Amino acid sequence: MTTRIYHNPDCGTSRNVLAMIRRSGEEPEIVRYLETPPSREELKALIGRMGIAVRDLLRRNGTPYDALGLDDPGLTDDRLLDAMMAHPILINRPIVVTDKGVALCRPSERVLELLSNPDIGRFAKEDGEVVNEAGGPPRR
């Protein structure tokens, strides 16, 4: 299986995850989900494989979350999915799919759990935070 990343190139976390995947020796399939959103069925399947609630995939910052009243706890999963289908920016990112599983990679170092070669050496995020010392486990 090819590694796939649901990516937003304007997001620093997404760029960091993509860089870590490449550093592991893989060139992933990149899905720019704002331009090519997943289908409703695909999104439901991703959420199911991640083992999270639909609400846990919603992004609030920089989205119409508040304007749409998505903080209402009475909204059904179907209503939340409707909102994500109408406004893909509401889908939190990056989502990474590999043979090892599917995860919302926030924080970005979460991607290391999904890579077949997680030993990426020393890696610093765009903000300068060191994620991985050479040969060592991720720093927390």
Protein backbone atom coordinates (compact mmCIF):
# COMPACT_ATOMS: atom_id res chain seq x y z
CA MET A 1 0.00 0.00 0.00
CA THR A 2 1.15 3.49 -0.77
CA THR A 3 1.27 6.00 2.04
CA ARG A 4 -1.37 8.69 1.56
CA ILE A 5 -1.54 12.11 3.20
CA TYR A 6 -4.59 14.34 3.18
CA HIS A 7 -2.61 17.54 2.97
CA ASN A 8 -3.03 21.29 3.13
CA PRO A 9 0.19 22.94 1.94
CA ASP A 10 -0.75 26.12 3.85
CA CYS A 11 -0.63 24.22 7.17
CA GLY A 12 2.71 23.99 8.98
CA THR A 13 1.78 20.74 10.72
CA SER A 14 0.84 19.20 7.39
CA ARG A 15 4.12 20.36 5.82
CA ASN A 16 6.08 18.91 8.75
CA VAL A 17 4.31 15.55 8.42
CA LEU A 18 4.94 15.43 4.67
CA ALA A 19 8.63 16.19 5.28
CA MET A 20 8.88 13.40 7.88
CA ILE A 21 7.25 10.90 5.52
CA ARG A 22 9.73 11.83 2.80
CA ARG A 23 12.60 11.68 5.27
CA SER A 24 11.58 8.07 6.02
CA GLY A 25 12.27 7.21 2.38
CA GLU A 26 8.68 7.19 1.13
CA GLU A 27 7.04 9.43 -1.45
CA PRO A 28 3.38 9.51 -0.44
CA GLU A 29 0.30 9.99 -2.51
CA ILE A 30 -0.66 13.58 -1.71
CA VAL A 31 -4.35 14.41 -1.60
CA ARG A 32 -4.91 18.15 -1.45
CA TYR A 33 -8.21 17.64 0.27
CA LEU A 34 -9.35 21.27 -0.11
CA GLU A 35 -9.16 20.87 -3.90
CA THR A 36 -10.19 17.22 -4.01
CA PRO A 37 -12.15 16.41 -0.85
CA PRO A 38 -12.78 12.80 0.10
CA SER A 39 -16.26 11.49 -0.62
CA ARG A 40 -18.63 11.22 2.31
CA GLU A 41 -18.15 7.44 2.34
CA GLU A 42 -14.37 7.79 2.24
CA LEU A 43 -14.43 10.33 5.08
CA LYS A 44 -16.65 8.06 7.19
CA ALA A 45 -14.28 5.16 6.53
CA LEU A 46 -11.24 7.23 7.53
CA ILE A 47 -12.95 8.30 10.75
CA GLY A 48 -13.89 4.70 11.48
CA ARG A 49 -10.34 3.47 10.85
CA MET A 50 -8.97 6.19 13.14
CA GLY A 51 -11.38 5.10 15.87
CA ILE A 52 -12.43 8.67 16.65
CA ALA A 53 -15.74 10.47 16.84
CA VAL A 54 -16.81 12.54 13.83
CA ARG A 55 -16.66 15.64 16.04
CA ASP A 56 -13.00 14.91 16.82
CA LEU A 57 -12.08 15.53 13.19
CA LEU A 58 -13.62 19.02 13.08
CA ARG A 59 -11.26 21.96 12.83
CA ARG A 60 -12.36 25.19 14.47
CA ASN A 61 -9.62 27.77 13.82
CA GLY A 62 -9.80 29.53 10.49
CA THR A 63 -13.04 27.79 9.51
CA PRO A 64 -16.78 28.53 9.51
CA TYR A 65 -17.16 26.30 12.61
CA ASP A 66 -18.58 29.04 14.83
CA ALA A 67 -20.71 30.64 12.12
CA LEU A 68 -22.30 27.25 11.42
CA GLY A 69 -22.98 26.61 15.11
CA LEU A 70 -21.03 23.36 15.09
CA ASP A 71 -20.36 23.58 18.82
CA ASP A 72 -23.97 22.45 19.41
CA PRO A 73 -23.61 19.06 21.16
CA GLY A 74 -27.01 18.04 19.80
CA LEU A 75 -25.80 17.91 16.20
CA THR A 76 -25.76 14.40 14.78
CA ASP A 77 -22.78 12.83 13.06
CA ASP A 78 -24.67 13.15 9.78
CA ARG A 79 -25.04 16.91 10.28
CA LEU A 80 -21.35 17.24 11.12
CA LEU A 81 -20.42 15.22 8.03
CA ASP A 82 -22.74 17.43 5.94
CA ALA A 83 -20.82 20.47 7.18
CA MET A 84 -17.45 18.89 6.35
CA MET A 85 -18.66 17.95 2.87
CA ALA A 86 -19.91 21.50 2.26
CA HIS A 87 -16.79 23.10 3.80
CA PRO A 88 -13.74 20.80 3.52
CA ILE A 89 -11.67 23.33 5.51
CA LEU A 90 -13.54 21.93 8.54
CA ILE A 91 -11.68 18.61 8.14
CA ASN A 92 -8.71 18.67 10.46
CA ARG A 93 -5.39 17.67 8.97
CA PRO A 94 -3.12 16.02 8.15
CA ILE A 95 -4.65 12.57 7.96
CA VAL A 96 -2.13 9.87 7.06
CA VAL A 97 -2.96 6.38 5.80
CA THR A 98 -0.37 3.58 5.76
CA ASP A 99 -0.31 -0.21 6.11
CA LYS A 100 0.08 0.36 9.86
CA GLY A 101 -3.11 2.39 10.22
CA VAL A 102 -4.76 5.76 9.85
CA ALA A 103 -4.28 8.79 12.10
CA LEU A 104 -4.84 12.48 12.40
CA CYS A 105 -1.19 13.45 12.81
CA ARG A 106 -1.46 16.21 15.36
CA PRO A 107 1.11 16.62 16.75
CA SER A 108 3.12 15.97 13.61
CA GLU A 109 5.43 13.40 15.24
CA ARG A 110 2.43 11.08 15.50
CA VAL A 111 3.19 10.10 11.90
CA LEU A 112 6.27 8.18 13.12
CA GLU A 113 3.93 5.49 14.53
CA LEU A 114 2.58 4.87 11.01
CA LEU A 115 5.83 4.71 9.06
CA SER A 116 7.56 1.47 8.11
CA ASN A 117 10.88 3.30 8.66
CA PRO A 118 10.31 5.70 11.57
CA ASP A 119 14.05 6.27 12.08
CA ILE A 120 14.23 9.61 10.27
CA GLY A 121 17.25 10.88 12.16
CA ARG A 122 17.30 14.30 13.75
CA PHE A 123 14.33 16.31 12.53
CA ALA A 124 13.33 19.84 13.43
CA LYS A 125 9.87 21.19 12.72
CA GLU A 126 9.44 24.48 10.90
CA ASP A 127 9.17 26.23 14.27
CA GLY A 128 12.53 24.78 15.35
CA GLU A 129 11.18 22.17 17.79
CA VAL A 130 13.29 19.01 17.60
CA VAL A 131 11.12 15.97 17.01
CA ASN A 132 13.73 13.28 16.74
CA GLU A 133 17.32 13.24 17.81
CA ALA A 134 19.50 11.18 15.48
CA GLY A 135 18.64 7.54 16.07
CA GLY A 136 16.65 8.27 19.19
CA PRO A 137 12.98 8.24 20.02
CA PRO A 138 10.88 11.37 19.53
CA ARG A 139 11.38 13.98 22.23
CA ARG A 140 8.29 15.00 24.16
